[in-house]
Structure formats: structure tokens, C-alpha cells
Amino acid sequence: MKNVCIFLLLIGLSGLVSAQKKAEKDIWSGTYMVNEMSNGVSTATDTLVIARIKDADAKEVADKEKSDLVRWSMTSKRDGGKDKITVKRFLFDLANDEDAYKEFGLTDLHKEGRINCIDGGHFFICQTPLDTTVAFGKDETYFTKTGFFGIWLHYGVVELQKK
């Protein structure tokens, strides 16, 4: 009987380890200081809070988005957290010819596991290793000390610092 209990305990533990391996690490959830650069001076201008939320319903998204239903919410402390935005990972599903990284010349970096980005519609946020220079196309580059940066349409690039 003792051997049976030990055997069942080992099976249970192996199931937990297997489930943990399948669980995906959430690199996005957290609090971020937004630092704007102006004339070489960095100024903290906002704090963003990103949190994992319920996956999108496959019945309610466009066909091209069904390959990745994971979602996060993002709020700004500057606006008191009243405007909650839903963000999603850049689509990267080569089997269905979806590559959101291609537009910015980042496909190879993503394939190498050196950049991941989330999309909020009028902005996107990317995560890379610390102290990385990211080239956008042929002419633009951005050096990120923290490994997190954001680009807002009609505004520009900001450095993010995860707390």
C-alpha cells in the first residue's frame, strides 16, 4: 500500500510539472514608468499598468486573429486609469501569412527570440534584451537601455522601465 501511495504521489507531481512547463511566461503584465526623451534628458511622464485578461472569443475576432487570442488590458495612471485599452501580441503566424513584425523590419529579430511586441491600435510596445539597438527598416534605429520601449502614432518613441 505504501508503494502505491508513493507511485500516485509521483504521478501527481509529474502532472504539475508538465502543466507548469505548458504555462506560458507572461512577459507583459506589470507596471511601467514611461520616460520621454527631450534634448537628451529623460523625464518620467506616466505610469502604465498592463494586466493579463481573459482571452478573446474566437467567435468574435477576425479570422486572421484566431491564431493568437491572448489579451491584456492597459491603463494609464496619468488619466486616472479610466481609459482601459485592450492590447494583443503582434500577429506572427507564418502558416497563414501573418507577420506584423515585417512592416517594421523586425521579423528576423522576432524569429531569433530577441523581440516581442504588443499592439494597442495607435501604439505598440516592444520587449528586447537590455542595452539593445533596434533597427526599424534601413534608416531608423532606437537604443533601449531597459529593454522595453513604446512607439505612439503621431508622437514617437518612449523608453519604458518595468517596476
C-alpha atoms as a PDB file:
ATOM      1  CA  MET A   1       0.000   0.000   0.000  1.00  0.00           C
ATOM      2  CA  LYS A   2       2.851   2.374   0.831  1.00  0.00           C
ATOM      3  CA  ASN A   3       4.366   1.848  -2.641  1.00  0.00           C
ATOM      4  CA  VAL A   4       1.017   2.596  -4.274  1.00  0.00           C
ATOM      5  CA  CYS A   5       0.744   5.911  -2.382  1.00  0.00           C
ATOM      6  CA  ILE A   6       4.272   6.907  -3.402  1.00  0.00           C
ATOM      7  CA  PHE A   7       3.532   5.929  -7.001  1.00  0.00           C
ATOM      8  CA  LEU A   8       0.334   8.039  -7.044  1.00  0.00           C
ATOM      9  CA  LEU A   9       2.177  10.958  -5.451  1.00  0.00           C
ATOM     10  CA  LEU A  10       4.870  10.809  -8.154  1.00  0.00           C
ATOM     11  CA  ILE A  11       2.251  10.718 -10.915  1.00  0.00           C
ATOM     12  CA  GLY A  12       0.531  13.747  -9.383  1.00  0.00           C
ATOM     13  CA  LEU A  13       3.770  15.689  -9.114  1.00  0.00           C
ATOM     14  CA  SER A  14       4.751  14.870 -12.700  1.00  0.00           C
ATOM     15  CA  GLY A  15       1.388  16.223 -13.833  1.00  0.00           C
ATOM     16  CA  LEU A  16       2.043  19.506 -12.009  1.00  0.00           C
ATOM     17  CA  VAL A  17       5.494  19.838 -13.569  1.00  0.00           C
ATOM     18  CA  SER A  18       4.032  19.146 -17.011  1.00  0.00           C
ATOM     19  CA  ALA A  19       1.322  21.779 -16.515  1.00  0.00           C
ATOM     20  CA  GLN A  20       3.899  24.338 -15.374  1.00  0.00           C
ATOM     21  CA  LYS A  21       6.013  23.704 -18.468  1.00  0.00           C
ATOM     22  CA  LYS A  22       2.948  24.277 -20.653  1.00  0.00           C
ATOM     23  CA  ALA A  23       2.070  27.525 -18.857  1.00  0.00           C
ATOM     24  CA  GLU A  24       3.400  30.428 -20.836  1.00  0.00           C
ATOM     25  CA  LYS A  25       5.516  33.054 -19.139  1.00  0.00           C
ATOM     26  CA  ASP A  26       3.777  36.433 -19.141  1.00  0.00           C
ATOM     27  CA  ILE A  27       6.440  38.974 -20.084  1.00  0.00           C
ATOM     28  CA  TRP A  28       3.947  41.836 -20.303  1.00  0.00           C
ATOM     29  CA  SER A  29       1.982  42.080 -17.059  1.00  0.00           C
ATOM     30  CA  GLY A  30       3.367  44.702 -14.723  1.00  0.00           C
ATOM     31  CA  THR A  31       3.794  48.400 -14.050  1.00  0.00           C
ATOM     32  CA  TYR A  32       5.920  50.553 -16.355  1.00  0.00           C
ATOM     33  CA  MET A  33       7.307  54.060 -15.972  1.00  0.00           C
ATOM     34  CA  VAL A  34       7.056  55.981 -19.259  1.00  0.00           C
ATOM     35  CA  ASN A  35      10.186  58.057 -19.853  1.00  0.00           C
ATOM     36  CA  GLU A  36      10.180  60.636 -22.629  1.00  0.00           C
ATOM     37  CA  MET A  37      13.444  61.888 -24.094  1.00  0.00           C
ATOM     38  CA  SER A  38      13.832  65.567 -24.915  1.00  0.00           C
ATOM     39  CA  ASN A  39      17.193  67.166 -25.687  1.00  0.00           C
ATOM     40  CA  GLY A  40      18.977  64.188 -24.136  1.00  0.00           C
ATOM     41  CA  VAL A  41      17.026  64.441 -20.858  1.00  0.00           C
ATOM     42  CA  SER A  42      14.727  61.606 -19.757  1.00  0.00           C
ATOM     43  CA  THR A  43      11.553  62.627 -17.917  1.00  0.00           C
ATOM     44  CA  ALA A  44       9.020  60.254 -16.360  1.00  0.00           C
ATOM     45  CA  THR A  45       5.658  61.343 -17.751  1.00  0.00           C
ATOM     46  CA  ASP A  46       3.274  58.490 -16.964  1.00  0.00           C
ATOM     47  CA  THR A  47       2.882  55.061 -15.443  1.00  0.00           C
ATOM     48  CA  LEU A  48       1.244  52.252 -17.414  1.00  0.00           C
ATOM     49  CA  VAL A  49      -0.277  49.163 -15.851  1.00  0.00           C
ATOM     50  CA  ILE A  50      -0.575  46.085 -18.057  1.00  0.00           C
ATOM     51  CA  ALA A  51      -2.531  43.061 -16.814  1.00  0.00           C
ATOM     52  CA  ARG A  52      -3.437  39.743 -18.407  1.00  0.00           C
ATOM     53  CA  ILE A  53      -7.168  39.441 -19.063  1.00  0.00           C
ATOM     54  CA  LYS A  54      -9.483  36.798 -20.473  1.00  0.00           C
ATOM     55  CA  ASP A  55      -8.577  35.544 -23.939  1.00  0.00           C
ATOM     56  CA  ALA A  56     -10.560  36.943 -26.848  1.00  0.00           C
ATOM     57  CA  ASP A  57     -13.502  34.848 -28.018  1.00  0.00           C
ATOM     58  CA  ALA A  58     -12.589  33.137 -31.310  1.00  0.00           C
ATOM     59  CA  LYS A  59     -16.168  33.719 -32.494  1.00  0.00           C
ATOM     60  CA  GLU A  60     -15.765  37.479 -32.121  1.00  0.00           C
ATOM     61  CA  VAL A  61     -12.407  38.155 -33.813  1.00  0.00           C
ATOM     62  CA  ALA A  62     -11.353  38.327 -37.437  1.00  0.00           C
ATOM     63  CA  ASP A  63     -10.157  35.031 -38.924  1.00  0.00           C
ATOM     64  CA  LYS A  64      -6.548  36.218 -39.068  1.00  0.00           C
ATOM     65  CA  GLU A  65      -6.553  36.866 -35.277  1.00  0.00           C
ATOM     66  CA  LYS A  66      -7.756  33.378 -34.309  1.00  0.00           C
ATOM     67  CA  SER A  67      -4.190  32.058 -34.137  1.00  0.00           C
ATOM     68  CA  ASP A  68      -3.494  34.186 -31.023  1.00  0.00           C
ATOM     69  CA  LEU A  69      -6.354  35.056 -28.691  1.00  0.00           C
ATOM     70  CA  VAL A  70      -4.234  36.142 -25.677  1.00  0.00           C
ATOM     71  CA  ARG A  71      -5.106  39.647 -24.440  1.00  0.00           C
ATOM     72  CA  TRP A  72      -4.001  42.212 -21.851  1.00  0.00           C
ATOM     73  CA  SER A  73      -5.541  45.423 -20.566  1.00  0.00           C
ATOM     74  CA  MET A  74      -3.523  48.589 -20.264  1.00  0.00           C
ATOM     75  CA  THR A  75      -4.333  51.660 -18.209  1.00  0.00           C
ATOM     76  CA  SER A  76      -2.552  54.964 -17.734  1.00  0.00           C
ATOM     77  CA  LYS A  77      -2.188  56.396 -14.250  1.00  0.00           C
ATOM     78  CA  ARG A  78      -1.961  59.865 -15.795  1.00  0.00           C
ATOM     79  CA  ASP A  79      -5.615  59.665 -16.853  1.00  0.00           C
ATOM     80  CA  GLY A  80      -6.599  58.065 -13.546  1.00  0.00           C
ATOM     81  CA  GLY A  81      -6.957  54.610 -15.076  1.00  0.00           C
ATOM     82  CA  LYS A  82     -10.329  55.485 -16.595  1.00  0.00           C
ATOM     83  CA  ASP A  83      -9.423  54.512 -20.168  1.00  0.00           C
ATOM     84  CA  LYS A  84      -8.692  50.802 -20.275  1.00  0.00           C
ATOM     85  CA  ILE A  85      -7.271  49.643 -23.605  1.00  0.00           C
ATOM     86  CA  THR A  86      -7.104  46.024 -24.755  1.00  0.00           C
ATOM     87  CA  VAL A  87      -3.774  45.009 -26.267  1.00  0.00           C
ATOM     88  CA  LYS A  88      -2.673  41.873 -28.090  1.00  0.00           C
ATOM     89  CA  ARG A  89       0.580  40.392 -29.313  1.00  0.00           C
ATOM     90  CA  PHE A  90       1.794  41.230 -32.783  1.00  0.00           C
ATOM     91  CA  LEU A  91       0.380  38.570 -35.074  1.00  0.00           C
ATOM     92  CA  PHE A  92       3.043  36.111 -36.131  1.00  0.00           C
ATOM     93  CA  ASP A  93       1.522  33.129 -37.912  1.00  0.00           C
ATOM     94  CA  LEU A  94       3.645  32.322 -40.945  1.00  0.00           C
ATOM     95  CA  ALA A  95       1.426  29.366 -41.879  1.00  0.00           C
ATOM     96  CA  ASN A  96      -1.340  31.890 -42.587  1.00  0.00           C
ATOM     97  CA  ASP A  97       0.976  34.614 -43.926  1.00  0.00           C
ATOM     98  CA  GLU A  98       0.542  36.890 -40.880  1.00  0.00           C
ATOM     99  CA  ASP A  99       3.642  38.803 -39.767  1.00  0.00           C
ATOM    100  CA  ALA A 100       3.074  42.136 -38.020  1.00  0.00           C
ATOM    101  CA  TYR A 101       6.840  42.429 -37.411  1.00  0.00           C
ATOM    102  CA  LYS A 102       7.545  42.623 -41.159  1.00  0.00           C
ATOM    103  CA  GLU A 103       6.236  46.198 -41.546  1.00  0.00           C
ATOM    104  CA  PHE A 104       8.916  47.424 -39.130  1.00  0.00           C
ATOM    105  CA  GLY A 105      11.726  45.179 -40.382  1.00  0.00           C
ATOM    106  CA  LEU A 106      11.707  43.162 -37.133  1.00  0.00           C
ATOM    107  CA  THR A 107      10.824  39.677 -38.406  1.00  0.00           C
ATOM    108  CA  ASP A 108      14.336  38.238 -38.108  1.00  0.00           C
ATOM    109  CA  LEU A 109      14.736  39.606 -34.568  1.00  0.00           C
ATOM    110  CA  HIS A 110      11.420  38.026 -33.585  1.00  0.00           C
ATOM    111  CA  LYS A 111      12.340  34.673 -35.126  1.00  0.00           C
ATOM    112  CA  GLU A 112      15.580  34.768 -33.107  1.00  0.00           C
ATOM    113  CA  GLY A 113      13.574  35.417 -29.934  1.00  0.00           C
ATOM    114  CA  ARG A 114      15.153  38.868 -29.499  1.00  0.00           C
ATOM    115  CA  ILE A 115      11.992  40.980 -29.750  1.00  0.00           C
ATOM    116  CA  ASN A 116       8.318  40.632 -28.843  1.00  0.00           C
ATOM    117  CA  CYS A 117       5.701  43.324 -29.338  1.00  0.00           C
ATOM    118  CA  ILE A 118       2.128  44.058 -28.314  1.00  0.00           C
ATOM    119  CA  ASP A 119      -0.304  46.169 -30.303  1.00  0.00           C
ATOM    120  CA  GLY A 120      -2.781  48.679 -28.916  1.00  0.00           C
ATOM    121  CA  GLY A 121      -4.014  50.123 -32.200  1.00  0.00           C
ATOM    122  CA  HIS A 122      -2.424  53.597 -32.208  1.00  0.00           C
ATOM    123  CA  PHE A 123       0.697  52.402 -30.364  1.00  0.00           C
ATOM    124  CA  PHE A 124       2.832  49.361 -29.795  1.00  0.00           C
ATOM    125  CA  ILE A 125       5.234  48.274 -27.085  1.00  0.00           C
ATOM    126  CA  CYS A 126       8.228  46.002 -27.597  1.00  0.00           C
ATOM    127  CA  GLN A 127      10.475  43.986 -25.311  1.00  0.00           C
ATOM    128  CA  THR A 128      14.092  43.158 -26.210  1.00  0.00           C
ATOM    129  CA  PRO A 129      17.237  42.326 -24.222  1.00  0.00           C
ATOM    130  CA  LEU A 130      18.692  45.195 -22.156  1.00  0.00           C
ATOM    131  CA  ASP A 131      21.015  47.643 -23.947  1.00  0.00           C
ATOM    132  CA  THR A 132      19.795  46.756 -27.445  1.00  0.00           C
ATOM    133  CA  THR A 133      19.786  48.871 -30.586  1.00  0.00           C
ATOM    134  CA  VAL A 134      16.724  48.075 -32.685  1.00  0.00           C
ATOM    135  CA  ALA A 135      16.756  48.955 -36.386  1.00  0.00           C
ATOM    136  CA  PHE A 136      13.428  49.851 -37.985  1.00  0.00           C
ATOM    137  CA  GLY A 137      13.824  49.299 -41.678  1.00  0.00           C
ATOM    138  CA  LYS A 138      17.042  50.707 -43.105  1.00  0.00           C
ATOM    139  CA  ASP A 139      17.202  54.246 -41.726  1.00  0.00           C
ATOM    140  CA  GLU A 140      15.839  54.367 -38.176  1.00  0.00           C
ATOM    141  CA  THR A 141      17.311  52.906 -35.007  1.00  0.00           C
ATOM    142  CA  TYR A 142      16.454  53.101 -31.340  1.00  0.00           C
ATOM    143  CA  PHE A 143      18.678  52.190 -28.396  1.00  0.00           C
ATOM    144  CA  THR A 144      16.788  50.792 -25.414  1.00  0.00           C
ATOM    145  CA  LYS A 145      18.630  50.667 -22.127  1.00  0.00           C
ATOM    146  CA  THR A 146      15.786  48.940 -20.240  1.00  0.00           C
ATOM    147  CA  GLY A 147      14.709  46.503 -22.953  1.00  0.00           C
ATOM    148  CA  PHE A 148      11.168  47.962 -23.115  1.00  0.00           C
ATOM    149  CA  PHE A 149      10.089  50.765 -25.428  1.00  0.00           C
ATOM    150  CA  GLY A 150       6.894  52.060 -26.967  1.00  0.00           C
ATOM    151  CA  ILE A 151       6.018  53.872 -30.160  1.00  0.00           C
ATOM    152  CA  TRP A 152       2.895  56.014 -30.290  1.00  0.00           C
ATOM    153  CA  LEU A 153       1.445  57.114 -33.634  1.00  0.00           C
ATOM    154  CA  HIS A 154       1.951  60.873 -34.192  1.00  0.00           C
ATOM    155  CA  TYR A 155       4.037  61.073 -31.028  1.00  0.00           C
ATOM    156  CA  GLY A 156       7.185  58.979 -31.202  1.00  0.00           C
ATOM    157  CA  VAL A 157       9.323  56.642 -29.143  1.00  0.00           C
ATOM    158  CA  VAL A 158       9.352  56.392 -25.340  1.00  0.00           C
ATOM    159  CA  GLU A 159      11.526  54.278 -23.070  1.00  0.00           C
ATOM    160  CA  LEU A 160       9.632  52.117 -20.601  1.00  0.00           C
ATOM    161  CA  GLN A 161      11.032  50.892 -17.322  1.00  0.00           C
ATOM    162  CA  LYS A 162       9.308  47.888 -15.780  1.00  0.00           C
ATOM    163  CA  LYS A 163       8.983  48.156 -11.996  1.00  0.00           C
END
